Amino acid sequence: METIYGIKELPRKIKYPVATLGMFDGVHRGHQKIIESLRHYAVARKGESVVITFDRHPKSIIENRPPSFLTSLEHRLSLFERLGVDYTVVLPFDRKIAEMSAENFICEILVGWLGVRCIVLGFNCHFGKGREGNITLARNLADKYGYEVHDCLPVVYRGQTISSTAIRQAILQGDLENAEAMLGRPVSILGTVVKKSGRGKTLGYPTANLDLHHEVRPPRGVYGTKVRWAGQDHLALTNIGLRPTFAREPFVSEDETPEIEVHILDFQEVLYGQNLEVQFLFKIRDEIPFQTAEELKARIEKDKEILLKKALPLQHSTV
């Protein structure tokens, strides 16, 4: 997959762009159905599948809301690539885009710049100023601008349409099973490995500490997880919490926001500055304080036993 940032010269090999549009937060089963349809029409017309998304959520500009996502931009790009998308266009969502009418967005960006020949939209896709653009408007303008339009029906789970909002609520409540069923893949987070105190290494359990870039996370606790690195799956223990055993000691440039610490079993690579995706398999226990470091180490060994017993068959499974 090739990623294009902003409105700039397009690769000459894009001859027949088949495009879709949206934030696709979570890239859940509903989004996957849209992308599957997108690729179907691209192949049938010997064209190229193009996903158009934004560098930030429109609500962060329009409503000045603090960001909270299932998937950051980097995470979404990774998931698009796994789904076989040919190109992703990342547009900067700014005031100019926010004030652009839906017809002007079609005329200037989709047709004038991209040269779109076929548009595939989700049933609830909205775009343009005031969210006036939708599948109906796109169809009404199809003859005028010379493209074809196809819609994609919603995906239903347990009687309700799958949505990013429902998945976000399930993850925040720790309901990994239902969140995974709606996502169509394990609940996962992607973050950049940052340097912290190095206490885990001192204890004999080095951890990768993640900056999630505003992605939502499950509740505090210790989880059996899996990470993929260099084409291989590795089992890991992931702690989400405030490190209560050492909470009385002063932090250095840290606040009370729950931290993400990933101990990858039998792993020696240095990951600072790299993006790491963590897939949640199951919860092992709540985060609890221990009186001594030795008690904590004994508990970690027990957590490892639980992880290996329950998850070892998944170690070499396909993502």
C-alpha atoms as a PDB file:
ATOM      1  CA  MET A   1       0.000   0.000   0.000  1.00  0.00           C
ATOM      2  CA  GLU A   2       1.178   3.498  -0.805  1.00  0.00           C
ATOM      3  CA  THR A   3       0.194   6.425   1.436  1.00  0.00           C
ATOM      4  CA  ILE A   4      -0.299   9.906  -0.002  1.00  0.00           C
ATOM      5  CA  TYR A   5      -0.287  12.786   2.468  1.00  0.00           C
ATOM      6  CA  GLY A   6      -2.245  15.834   1.359  1.00  0.00           C
ATOM      7  CA  ILE A   7      -3.168  17.181  -2.066  1.00  0.00           C
ATOM      8  CA  LYS A   8      -0.099  16.702  -4.201  1.00  0.00           C
ATOM      9  CA  GLU A   9       0.897  15.130  -7.491  1.00  0.00           C
ATOM     10  CA  LEU A  10      -0.591  11.668  -7.780  1.00  0.00           C
ATOM     11  CA  PRO A  11       1.375   8.593  -8.865  1.00  0.00           C
ATOM     12  CA  ARG A  12       0.964   8.118 -12.608  1.00  0.00           C
ATOM     13  CA  LYS A  13       0.018   4.478 -12.105  1.00  0.00           C
ATOM     14  CA  ILE A  14      -3.372   5.506 -10.672  1.00  0.00           C
ATOM     15  CA  LYS A  15      -5.457   5.211 -13.832  1.00  0.00           C
ATOM     16  CA  TYR A  16      -8.928   4.211 -12.614  1.00  0.00           C
ATOM     17  CA  PRO A  17      -9.365   5.186  -8.944  1.00  0.00           C
ATOM     18  CA  VAL A  18     -12.163   3.470  -7.039  1.00  0.00           C
ATOM     19  CA  ALA A  19     -12.486   5.439  -3.794  1.00  0.00           C
ATOM     20  CA  THR A  20     -14.149   5.417  -0.417  1.00  0.00           C
ATOM     21  CA  LEU A  21     -14.171   8.084   2.271  1.00  0.00           C
ATOM     22  CA  GLY A  22     -14.257   8.142   6.057  1.00  0.00           C
ATOM     23  CA  MET A  23     -12.426   8.092   9.377  1.00  0.00           C
ATOM     24  CA  PHE A  24     -12.823   4.300   9.683  1.00  0.00           C
ATOM     25  CA  ASP A  25     -12.047   4.441  13.405  1.00  0.00           C
ATOM     26  CA  GLY A  26     -11.390   0.881  14.516  1.00  0.00           C
ATOM     27  CA  VAL A  27     -11.478  -0.528  10.977  1.00  0.00           C
ATOM     28  CA  HIS A  28     -14.222  -2.814  12.317  1.00  0.00           C
ATOM     29  CA  ARG A  29     -16.359  -5.363  10.478  1.00  0.00           C
ATOM     30  CA  GLY A  30     -18.560  -2.658   8.953  1.00  0.00           C
ATOM     31  CA  HIS A  31     -15.483  -0.857   7.612  1.00  0.00           C
ATOM     32  CA  GLN A  32     -13.995  -4.123   6.436  1.00  0.00           C
ATOM     33  CA  LYS A  33     -17.132  -4.782   4.392  1.00  0.00           C
ATOM     34  CA  ILE A  34     -16.754  -1.380   2.713  1.00  0.00           C
ATOM     35  CA  ILE A  35     -13.101  -2.047   1.905  1.00  0.00           C
ATOM     36  CA  GLU A  36     -13.940  -5.530   0.612  1.00  0.00           C
ATOM     37  CA  SER A  37     -16.521  -3.954  -1.697  1.00  0.00           C
ATOM     38  CA  LEU A  38     -14.034  -1.247  -2.691  1.00  0.00           C
ATOM     39  CA  ARG A  39     -11.451  -3.843  -3.709  1.00  0.00           C
ATOM     40  CA  HIS A  40     -14.094  -5.866  -5.552  1.00  0.00           C
ATOM     41  CA  TYR A  41     -15.035  -2.946  -7.790  1.00  0.00           C
ATOM     42  CA  ALA A  42     -11.380  -1.971  -8.273  1.00  0.00           C
ATOM     43  CA  VAL A  43     -10.472  -5.466  -9.447  1.00  0.00           C
ATOM     44  CA  ALA A  44     -13.566  -5.769 -11.645  1.00  0.00           C
ATOM     45  CA  ARG A  45     -12.698  -2.495 -13.397  1.00  0.00           C
ATOM     46  CA  LYS A  46      -8.949  -3.130 -13.446  1.00  0.00           C
ATOM     47  CA  GLY A  47      -8.539  -0.041 -11.301  1.00  0.00           C
ATOM     48  CA  GLU A  48      -6.965   0.941  -8.006  1.00  0.00           C
ATOM     49  CA  SER A  49      -8.602   0.892  -4.545  1.00  0.00           C
ATOM     50  CA  VAL A  50      -8.216   4.230  -2.749  1.00  0.00           C
ATOM     51  CA  VAL A  51      -9.176   4.986   0.855  1.00  0.00           C
ATOM     52  CA  ILE A  52      -9.490   8.688   1.683  1.00  0.00           C
ATOM     53  CA  THR A  53      -9.195   9.475   5.374  1.00  0.00           C
ATOM     54  CA  PHE A  54      -8.141  12.378   7.598  1.00  0.00           C
ATOM     55  CA  ASP A  55      -5.188  13.083   9.843  1.00  0.00           C
ATOM     56  CA  ARG A  56      -7.490  13.945  12.763  1.00  0.00           C
ATOM     57  CA  HIS A  57     -11.118  13.415  13.665  1.00  0.00           C
ATOM     58  CA  PRO A  58     -13.407  16.184  12.344  1.00  0.00           C
ATOM     59  CA  LYS A  59     -14.896  16.604  15.824  1.00  0.00           C
ATOM     60  CA  SER A  60     -11.510  17.797  17.106  1.00  0.00           C
ATOM     61  CA  ILE A  61     -11.874  20.845  14.819  1.00  0.00           C
ATOM     62  CA  ILE A  62     -15.623  21.326  14.536  1.00  0.00           C
ATOM     63  CA  GLU A  63     -16.560  20.646  18.166  1.00  0.00           C
ATOM     64  CA  ASN A  64     -13.156  21.198  19.792  1.00  0.00           C
ATOM     65  CA  ARG A  65     -13.424  17.803  21.509  1.00  0.00           C
ATOM     66  CA  PRO A  66     -10.396  16.101  23.039  1.00  0.00           C
ATOM     67  CA  PRO A  67      -9.342  13.130  20.919  1.00  0.00           C
ATOM     68  CA  SER A  68     -10.290   9.574  21.852  1.00  0.00           C
ATOM     69  CA  PHE A  69      -9.947   6.900  19.215  1.00  0.00           C
ATOM     70  CA  LEU A  70     -10.052   3.159  18.771  1.00  0.00           C
ATOM     71  CA  THR A  71      -7.227   3.515  16.274  1.00  0.00           C
ATOM     72  CA  SER A  72      -4.711   6.275  15.667  1.00  0.00           C
ATOM     73  CA  LEU A  73      -3.814   7.222  12.099  1.00  0.00           C
ATOM     74  CA  GLU A  74      -0.734   4.962  12.164  1.00  0.00           C
ATOM     75  CA  HIS A  75      -2.861   2.062  13.375  1.00  0.00           C
ATOM     76  CA  ARG A  76      -5.499   2.614  10.698  1.00  0.00           C
ATOM     77  CA  LEU A  77      -2.867   2.735   7.970  1.00  0.00           C
ATOM     78  CA  SER A  78      -1.462  -0.589   9.151  1.00  0.00           C
ATOM     79  CA  LEU A  79      -4.921  -2.174   9.118  1.00  0.00           C
ATOM     80  CA  PHE A  80      -5.734  -0.771   5.654  1.00  0.00           C
ATOM     81  CA  GLU A  81      -2.558  -2.323   4.320  1.00  0.00           C
ATOM     82  CA  ARG A  82      -3.443  -5.728   5.781  1.00  0.00           C
ATOM     83  CA  LEU A  83      -6.815  -5.519   4.027  1.00  0.00           C
ATOM     84  CA  GLY A  84      -5.126  -5.084   0.659  1.00  0.00           C
ATOM     85  CA  VAL A  85      -5.851  -1.417  -0.051  1.00  0.00           C
ATOM     86  CA  ASP A  86      -3.733  -0.051  -2.914  1.00  0.00           C
ATOM     87  CA  TYR A  87      -3.573   3.610  -1.836  1.00  0.00           C
ATOM     88  CA  THR A  88      -4.564   5.632   1.209  1.00  0.00           C
ATOM     89  CA  VAL A  89      -4.901   9.397   0.920  1.00  0.00           C
ATOM     90  CA  VAL A  90      -4.506  11.235   4.237  1.00  0.00           C
ATOM     91  CA  LEU A  91      -6.063  14.685   4.058  1.00  0.00           C
ATOM     92  CA  PRO A  92      -5.331  17.327   6.720  1.00  0.00           C
ATOM     93  CA  PHE A  93      -8.666  18.106   8.342  1.00  0.00           C
ATOM     94  CA  ASP A  94      -8.516  21.858   8.867  1.00  0.00           C
ATOM     95  CA  ARG A  95     -10.941  24.773   8.725  1.00  0.00           C
ATOM     96  CA  LYS A  96     -10.747  24.879   4.930  1.00  0.00           C
ATOM     97  CA  ILE A  97     -11.870  21.268   4.640  1.00  0.00           C
ATOM     98  CA  ALA A  98     -14.444  21.748   7.416  1.00  0.00           C
ATOM     99  CA  GLU A  99     -16.051  24.677   5.537  1.00  0.00           C
ATOM    100  CA  MET A 100     -16.049  22.994   2.122  1.00  0.00           C
ATOM    101  CA  SER A 101     -19.493  22.057   0.821  1.00  0.00           C
ATOM    102  CA  ALA A 102     -20.136  18.416  -0.001  1.00  0.00           C
ATOM    103  CA  GLU A 103     -20.483  19.148  -3.730  1.00  0.00           C
ATOM    104  CA  ASN A 104     -17.246  21.124  -3.762  1.00  0.00           C
ATOM    105  CA  PHE A 105     -15.516  18.226  -1.996  1.00  0.00           C
ATOM    106  CA  ILE A 106     -16.705  15.898  -4.755  1.00  0.00           C
ATOM    107  CA  CYS A 107     -15.923  18.379  -7.532  1.00  0.00           C
ATOM    108  CA  GLU A 108     -12.545  19.653  -6.349  1.00  0.00           C
ATOM    109  CA  ILE A 109     -11.030  16.697  -4.491  1.00  0.00           C
ATOM    110  CA  LEU A 110     -12.667  13.466  -5.624  1.00  0.00           C
ATOM    111  CA  VAL A 111     -13.124  14.385  -9.288  1.00  0.00           C
ATOM    112  CA  GLY A 112     -10.814  17.333  -9.964  1.00  0.00           C
ATOM    113  CA  TRP A 113      -7.766  16.070  -8.097  1.00  0.00           C
ATOM    114  CA  LEU A 114      -8.165  12.294  -7.746  1.00  0.00           C
ATOM    115  CA  GLY A 115     -10.087  11.731 -10.979  1.00  0.00           C
ATOM    116  CA  VAL A 116     -12.400   9.258  -9.273  1.00  0.00           C
ATOM    117  CA  ARG A 117     -14.289   6.880 -11.544  1.00  0.00           C
ATOM    118  CA  CYS A 118     -16.184   4.886  -8.936  1.00  0.00           C
ATOM    119  CA  ILE A 119     -17.222   5.777  -5.363  1.00  0.00           C
ATOM    120  CA  VAL A 120     -18.127   3.263  -2.639  1.00  0.00           C
ATOM    121  CA  LEU A 121     -19.711   4.717   0.509  1.00  0.00           C
ATOM    122  CA  GLY A 122     -20.975   3.281   3.769  1.00  0.00           C
ATOM    123  CA  PHE A 123     -24.663   3.647   4.575  1.00  0.00           C
ATOM    124  CA  ASN A 124     -23.978   6.339   7.191  1.00  0.00           C
ATOM    125  CA  CYS A 125     -21.080   8.175   5.548  1.00  0.00           C
ATOM    126  CA  HIS A 126     -21.329  11.965   5.825  1.00  0.00           C
ATOM    127  CA  PHE A 127     -18.958  14.580   4.461  1.00  0.00           C
ATOM    128  CA  GLY A 128     -18.803  18.268   3.653  1.00  0.00           C
ATOM    129  CA  LYS A 129     -19.869  21.289   5.663  1.00  0.00           C
ATOM    130  CA  GLY A 130     -22.611  20.447   8.121  1.00  0.00           C
ATOM    131  CA  ARG A 131     -22.294  16.766   7.162  1.00  0.00           C
ATOM    132  CA  GLU A 132     -24.556  17.488   4.197  1.00  0.00           C
ATOM    133  CA  GLY A 133     -22.857  14.942   1.944  1.00  0.00           C
ATOM    134  CA  ASN A 134     -24.062  11.337   1.883  1.00  0.00           C
ATOM    135  CA  ILE A 135     -24.753   8.453  -0.478  1.00  0.00           C
ATOM    136  CA  THR A 136     -27.888  10.172  -1.822  1.00  0.00           C
ATOM    137  CA  LEU A 137     -26.038  13.358  -2.748  1.00  0.00           C
ATOM    138  CA  ALA A 138     -23.208  11.374  -4.327  1.00  0.00           C
ATOM    139  CA  ARG A 139     -25.745   9.537  -6.491  1.00  0.00           C
ATOM    140  CA  ASN A 140     -27.529  12.744  -7.470  1.00  0.00           C
ATOM    141  CA  LEU A 141     -24.229  14.225  -8.716  1.00  0.00           C
ATOM    142  CA  ALA A 142     -22.920  11.078 -10.431  1.00  0.00           C
ATOM    143  CA  ASP A 143     -24.066  11.955 -13.948  1.00  0.00           C
ATOM    144  CA  LYS A 144     -22.911  15.558 -13.600  1.00  0.00           C
ATOM    145  CA  TYR A 145     -19.349  14.582 -12.663  1.00  0.00           C
ATOM    146  CA  GLY A 146     -19.068  11.268 -14.479  1.00  0.00           C
ATOM    147  CA  TYR A 147     -18.600   8.556 -11.869  1.00  0.00           C
ATOM    148  CA  GLU A 148     -20.565   5.547 -10.622  1.00  0.00           C
ATOM    149  CA  VAL A 149     -21.694   5.055  -7.020  1.00  0.00           C
ATOM    150  CA  HIS A 150     -22.209   1.984  -4.865  1.00  0.00           C
ATOM    151  CA  ASP A 151     -23.384   1.815  -1.276  1.00  0.00           C
ATOM    152  CA  CYS A 152     -22.548  -0.679   1.424  1.00  0.00           C
ATOM    153  CA  LEU A 153     -25.143  -1.890   3.922  1.00  0.00           C
ATOM    154  CA  PRO A 154     -24.430  -2.020   7.686  1.00  0.00           C
ATOM    155  CA  VAL A 155     -23.114  -5.075   9.489  1.00  0.00           C
ATOM    156  CA  VAL A 156     -25.275  -6.171  12.423  1.00  0.00           C
ATOM    157  CA  TYR A 157     -24.130  -7.901  15.611  1.00  0.00           C
ATOM    158  CA  ARG A 158     -26.667  -9.137  18.161  1.00  0.00           C
ATOM    159  CA  GLY A 159     -29.409  -7.064  16.597  1.00  0.00           C
ATOM    160  CA  GLN A 160     -27.476  -3.786  16.528  1.00  0.00           C
ATOM    161  CA  THR A 161     -25.479  -2.061  13.816  1.00  0.00           C
ATOM    162  CA  ILE A 162     -21.766  -2.325  14.524  1.00  0.00           C
ATOM    163  CA  SER A 163     -20.293   1.087  15.298  1.00  0.00           C
ATOM    164  CA  SER A 164     -17.075   2.580  16.609  1.00  0.00           C
ATOM    165  CA  THR A 165     -19.029   3.983  19.559  1.00  0.00           C
ATOM    166  CA  ALA A 166     -20.335   0.560  20.624  1.00  0.00           C
ATOM    167  CA  ILE A 167     -16.861  -0.971  20.333  1.00  0.00           C
ATOM    168  CA  ARG A 168     -15.299   1.876  22.296  1.00  0.00           C
ATOM    169  CA  GLN A 169     -17.789   1.350  25.123  1.00  0.00           C
ATOM    170  CA  ALA A 170     -17.129  -2.403  25.181  1.00  0.00           C
ATOM    171  CA  ILE A 171     -13.357  -1.901  25.396  1.00  0.00           C
ATOM    172  CA  LEU A 172     -13.625   0.686  28.163  1.00  0.00           C
ATOM    173  CA  GLN A 173     -15.835  -1.738  30.117  1.00  0.00           C
ATOM    174  CA  GLY A 174     -13.365  -4.575  29.621  1.00  0.00           C
ATOM    175  CA  ASP A 175     -15.743  -6.582  27.428  1.00  0.00           C
ATOM    176  CA  LEU A 176     -13.046  -7.946  25.128  1.00  0.00           C
ATOM    177  CA  GLU A 177     -15.208 -10.760  23.772  1.00  0.00           C
ATOM    178  CA  ASN A 178     -17.938  -8.544  22.330  1.00  0.00           C
ATOM    179  CA  ALA A 179     -15.467  -5.892  21.210  1.00  0.00           C
ATOM    180  CA  GLU A 180     -13.512  -8.556  19.296  1.00  0.00           C
ATOM    181  CA  ALA A 181     -16.712  -9.886  17.724  1.00  0.00           C
ATOM    182  CA  MET A 182     -17.575  -6.410  16.426  1.00  0.00           C
ATOM    183  CA  LEU A 183     -14.034  -5.622  15.312  1.00  0.00           C
ATOM    184  CA  GLY A 184     -13.627  -8.901  13.472  1.00  0.00           C
ATOM    185  CA  ARG A 185     -10.137  -9.182  14.984  1.00  0.00           C
ATOM    186  CA  PRO A 186      -8.604  -9.106  18.470  1.00  0.00           C
ATOM    187  CA  VAL A 187      -8.828  -5.865  20.430  1.00  0.00           C
ATOM    188  CA  SER A 188      -5.504  -4.133  19.895  1.00  0.00           C
ATOM    189  CA  ILE A 189      -3.613  -0.959  20.659  1.00  0.00           C
ATOM    190  CA  LEU A 190      -0.729   0.574  18.763  1.00  0.00           C
ATOM    191  CA  GLY A 191       1.739   2.873  20.440  1.00  0.00           C
ATOM    192  CA  THR A 192       5.244   4.225  20.220  1.00  0.00           C
ATOM    193  CA  VAL A 193       7.775   2.650  22.574  1.00  0.00           C
ATOM    194  CA  VAL A 194       9.099   5.390  24.874  1.00  0.00           C
ATOM    195  CA  LYS A 195      11.818   5.420  27.521  1.00  0.00           C
ATOM    196  CA  LYS A 196      10.683   5.432  31.156  1.00  0.00           C
ATOM    197  CA  SER A 197      12.355   4.516  34.456  1.00  0.00           C
ATOM    198  CA  GLY A 198      13.649   1.103  33.354  1.00  0.00           C
ATOM    199  CA  ARG A 199      12.386  -0.492  36.578  1.00  0.00           C
ATOM    200  CA  GLY A 200      11.115  -3.581  34.767  1.00  0.00           C
ATOM    201  CA  LYS A 201      14.595  -4.383  33.465  1.00  0.00           C
ATOM    202  CA  THR A 202      16.005  -3.958  36.977  1.00  0.00           C
ATOM    203  CA  LEU A 203      13.484  -6.520  38.232  1.00  0.00           C
ATOM    204  CA  GLY A 204      14.436  -8.918  35.459  1.00  0.00           C
ATOM    205  CA  TYR A 205      11.292  -8.273  33.399  1.00  0.00           C
ATOM    206  CA  PRO A 206      12.095  -5.565  30.821  1.00  0.00           C
ATOM    207  CA  THR A 207       9.042  -3.811  29.450  1.00  0.00           C
ATOM    208  CA  ALA A 208       8.184  -1.740  26.414  1.00  0.00           C
ATOM    209  CA  ASN A 209       6.304   1.367  27.595  1.00  0.00           C
ATOM    210  CA  LEU A 210       3.813   2.654  25.051  1.00  0.00           C
ATOM    211  CA  ASP A 211       2.555   6.109  24.158  1.00  0.00           C
ATOM    212  CA  LEU A 212      -0.865   5.299  22.644  1.00  0.00           C
ATOM    213  CA  HIS A 213      -1.495   8.626  20.887  1.00  0.00           C
ATOM    214  CA  HIS A 214      -5.009   8.845  22.382  1.00  0.00           C
ATOM    215  CA  GLU A 215      -6.147   5.313  21.558  1.00  0.00           C
ATOM    216  CA  VAL A 216      -8.640   3.880  24.041  1.00  0.00           C
ATOM    217  CA  ARG A 217      -7.468   1.010  26.240  1.00  0.00           C
ATOM    218  CA  PRO A 218      -9.123  -1.688  28.340  1.00  0.00           C
ATOM    219  CA  PRO A 219      -9.470  -1.112  32.111  1.00  0.00           C
ATOM    220  CA  ARG A 220      -6.531  -1.387  34.487  1.00  0.00           C
ATOM    221  CA  GLY A 221      -5.151  -4.867  34.981  1.00  0.00           C
ATOM    222  CA  VAL A 222      -2.738  -7.491  33.707  1.00  0.00           C
ATOM    223  CA  TYR A 223      -3.548  -9.077  30.359  1.00  0.00           C
ATOM    224  CA  GLY A 224      -2.338 -11.974  28.271  1.00  0.00           C
ATOM    225  CA  THR A 225      -1.412 -10.404  24.957  1.00  0.00           C
ATOM    226  CA  LYS A 226       0.399 -11.000  21.697  1.00  0.00           C
ATOM    227  CA  VAL A 227       2.692  -8.685  19.748  1.00  0.00           C
ATOM    228  CA  ARG A 228       3.946  -9.066  16.214  1.00  0.00           C
ATOM    229  CA  TRP A 229       7.520  -8.120  15.473  1.00  0.00           C
ATOM    230  CA  ALA A 230       9.641  -8.808  12.401  1.00  0.00           C
ATOM    231  CA  GLY A 231       6.979 -11.099  10.979  1.00  0.00           C
ATOM    232  CA  GLN A 232       6.681 -13.260  14.097  1.00  0.00           C
ATOM    233  CA  ASP A 233       4.156 -13.413  16.940  1.00  0.00           C
ATOM    234  CA  HIS A 234       5.396 -13.158  20.513  1.00  0.00           C
ATOM    235  CA  LEU A 235       3.399 -13.740  23.677  1.00  0.00           C
ATOM    236  CA  ALA A 236       3.525 -10.919  26.209  1.00  0.00           C
ATOM    237  CA  LEU A 237       2.222  -9.788  29.572  1.00  0.00           C
ATOM    238  CA  THR A 238       0.720  -6.305  29.381  1.00  0.00           C
ATOM    239  CA  ASN A 239       0.036  -4.224  32.465  1.00  0.00           C
ATOM    240  CA  ILE A 240      -2.306  -1.247  32.293  1.00  0.00           C
ATOM    241  CA  GLY A 241      -2.175   0.778  35.472  1.00  0.00           C
ATOM    242  CA  LEU A 242      -0.374   2.999  37.934  1.00  0.00           C
ATOM    243  CA  ARG A 243       2.285   0.588  39.260  1.00  0.00           C
ATOM    244  CA  PRO A 244       0.842   0.521  42.804  1.00  0.00           C
ATOM    245  CA  THR A 245       3.784  -1.391  44.276  1.00  0.00           C
ATOM    246  CA  PHE A 246       6.018   1.616  43.608  1.00  0.00           C
ATOM    247  CA  ALA A 247       3.393   4.373  43.765  1.00  0.00           C
ATOM    248  CA  ARG A 248       4.968   6.019  46.830  1.00  0.00           C
ATOM    249  CA  GLU A 249       8.188   6.650  44.975  1.00  0.00           C
ATOM    250  CA  PRO A 250       8.392   9.880  42.969  1.00  0.00           C
ATOM    251  CA  PHE A 251       7.703   9.739  39.249  1.00  0.00           C
ATOM    252  CA  VAL A 252       9.965  11.401  36.747  1.00  0.00           C
ATOM    253  CA  SER A 253       8.052  13.297  34.052  1.00  0.00           C
ATOM    254  CA  GLU A 254       5.047  11.012  34.543  1.00  0.00           C
ATOM    255  CA  ASP A 255       1.486  11.746  35.667  1.00  0.00           C
ATOM    256  CA  GLU A 256      -1.324   9.626  37.020  1.00  0.00           C
ATOM    257  CA  THR A 257      -2.482   8.511  33.582  1.00  0.00           C
ATOM    258  CA  PRO A 258      -2.472   4.694  33.411  1.00  0.00           C
ATOM    259  CA  GLU A 259       0.671   3.407  31.787  1.00  0.00           C
ATOM    260  CA  ILE A 260       0.995   0.581  29.286  1.00  0.00           C
ATOM    261  CA  GLU A 261       3.889  -1.769  30.069  1.00  0.00           C
ATOM    262  CA  VAL A 262       4.486  -4.751  27.772  1.00  0.00           C
ATOM    263  CA  HIS A 263       6.797  -7.577  28.861  1.00  0.00           C
ATOM    264  CA  ILE A 264       7.492  -9.696  25.777  1.00  0.00           C
ATOM    265  CA  LEU A 265       8.517 -13.225  26.662  1.00  0.00           C
ATOM    266  CA  ASP A 266      11.983 -14.340  25.519  1.00  0.00           C
ATOM    267  CA  PHE A 267      12.610 -11.112  23.634  1.00  0.00           C
ATOM    268  CA  GLN A 268      15.807  -9.067  23.571  1.00  0.00           C
ATOM    269  CA  GLU A 269      15.286  -6.449  20.856  1.00  0.00           C
ATOM    270  CA  VAL A 270      15.586  -2.719  21.626  1.00  0.00           C
ATOM    271  CA  LEU A 271      12.336  -1.071  20.523  1.00  0.00           C
ATOM    272  CA  TYR A 272      12.672   2.590  21.559  1.00  0.00           C
ATOM    273  CA  GLY A 273      10.986   4.850  19.027  1.00  0.00           C
ATOM    274  CA  GLN A 274       9.291   1.959  17.214  1.00  0.00           C
ATOM    275  CA  ASN A 275       5.548   1.464  16.839  1.00  0.00           C
ATOM    276  CA  LEU A 276       4.319  -1.713  18.516  1.00  0.00           C
ATOM    277  CA  GLU A 277       0.872  -3.282  18.174  1.00  0.00           C
ATOM    278  CA  VAL A 278      -0.448  -5.266  21.141  1.00  0.00           C
ATOM    279  CA  GLN A 279      -3.361  -7.674  20.718  1.00  0.00           C
ATOM    280  CA  PHE A 280      -5.378  -8.565  23.819  1.00  0.00           C
ATOM    281  CA  LEU A 281      -6.128 -12.255  24.332  1.00  0.00           C
ATOM    282  CA  PHE A 282      -7.636 -12.314  27.847  1.00  0.00           C
ATOM    283  CA  LYS A 283      -7.430 -10.645  31.240  1.00  0.00           C
ATOM    284  CA  ILE A 284      -5.314 -12.427  33.852  1.00  0.00           C
ATOM    285  CA  ARG A 285      -5.979 -10.327  36.951  1.00  0.00           C
ATOM    286  CA  ASP A 286      -6.540  -6.862  38.368  1.00  0.00           C
ATOM    287  CA  GLU A 287      -3.569  -4.656  39.138  1.00  0.00           C
ATOM    288  CA  ILE A 288      -2.767  -5.036  42.842  1.00  0.00           C
ATOM    289  CA  PRO A 289      -0.025  -3.668  45.143  1.00  0.00           C
ATOM    290  CA  PHE A 290       2.673  -5.926  46.587  1.00  0.00           C
ATOM    291  CA  GLN A 291       4.658  -5.383  49.748  1.00  0.00           C
ATOM    292  CA  THR A 292       8.012  -6.159  48.164  1.00  0.00           C
ATOM    293  CA  ALA A 293       9.624  -6.451  44.767  1.00  0.00           C
ATOM    294  CA  GLU A 294      10.126 -10.180  45.429  1.00  0.00           C
ATOM    295  CA  GLU A 295       6.378 -10.675  45.870  1.00  0.00           C
ATOM    296  CA  LEU A 296       5.785  -8.830  42.607  1.00  0.00           C
ATOM    297  CA  LYS A 297       8.328 -11.003  40.786  1.00  0.00           C
ATOM    298  CA  ALA A 298       6.700 -14.180  42.122  1.00  0.00           C
ATOM    299  CA  ARG A 299       3.318 -12.974  40.890  1.00  0.00           C
ATOM    300  CA  ILE A 300       4.735 -12.150  37.447  1.00  0.00           C
ATOM    301  CA  GLU A 301       6.059 -15.720  37.208  1.00  0.00           C
ATOM    302  CA  LYS A 302       2.587 -17.010  37.996  1.00  0.00           C
ATOM    303  CA  ASP A 303       1.113 -14.655  35.374  1.00  0.00           C
ATOM    304  CA  LYS A 304       3.564 -16.081  32.828  1.00  0.00           C
ATOM    305  CA  GLU A 305       2.432 -19.622  33.660  1.00  0.00           C
ATOM    306  CA  ILE A 306      -1.194 -18.640  33.084  1.00  0.00           C
ATOM    307  CA  LEU A 307      -0.291 -16.937  29.814  1.00  0.00           C
ATOM    308  CA  LEU A 308       1.639 -19.922  28.478  1.00  0.00           C
ATOM    309  CA  LYS A 309      -1.005 -22.413  29.521  1.00  0.00           C
ATOM    310  CA  LYS A 310      -3.898 -20.520  27.924  1.00  0.00           C
ATOM    311  CA  ALA A 311      -2.299 -18.822  24.949  1.00  0.00           C
ATOM    312  CA  LEU A 312       0.648 -20.873  23.725  1.00  0.00           C
ATOM    313  CA  PRO A 313      -1.399 -22.454  20.873  1.00  0.00           C
ATOM    314  CA  LEU A 314      -1.986 -18.889  19.575  1.00  0.00           C
ATOM    315  CA  GLN A 315       1.695 -17.971  19.455  1.00  0.00           C
ATOM    316  CA  HIS A 316       2.128 -18.812  15.791  1.00  0.00           C
ATOM    317  CA  SER A 317      -1.369 -17.937  14.601  1.00  0.00           C
ATOM    318  CA  THR A 318      -1.908 -15.519  11.752  1.00  0.00           C
ATOM    319  CA  VAL A 319      -2.776 -11.896  12.604  1.00  0.00           C
END
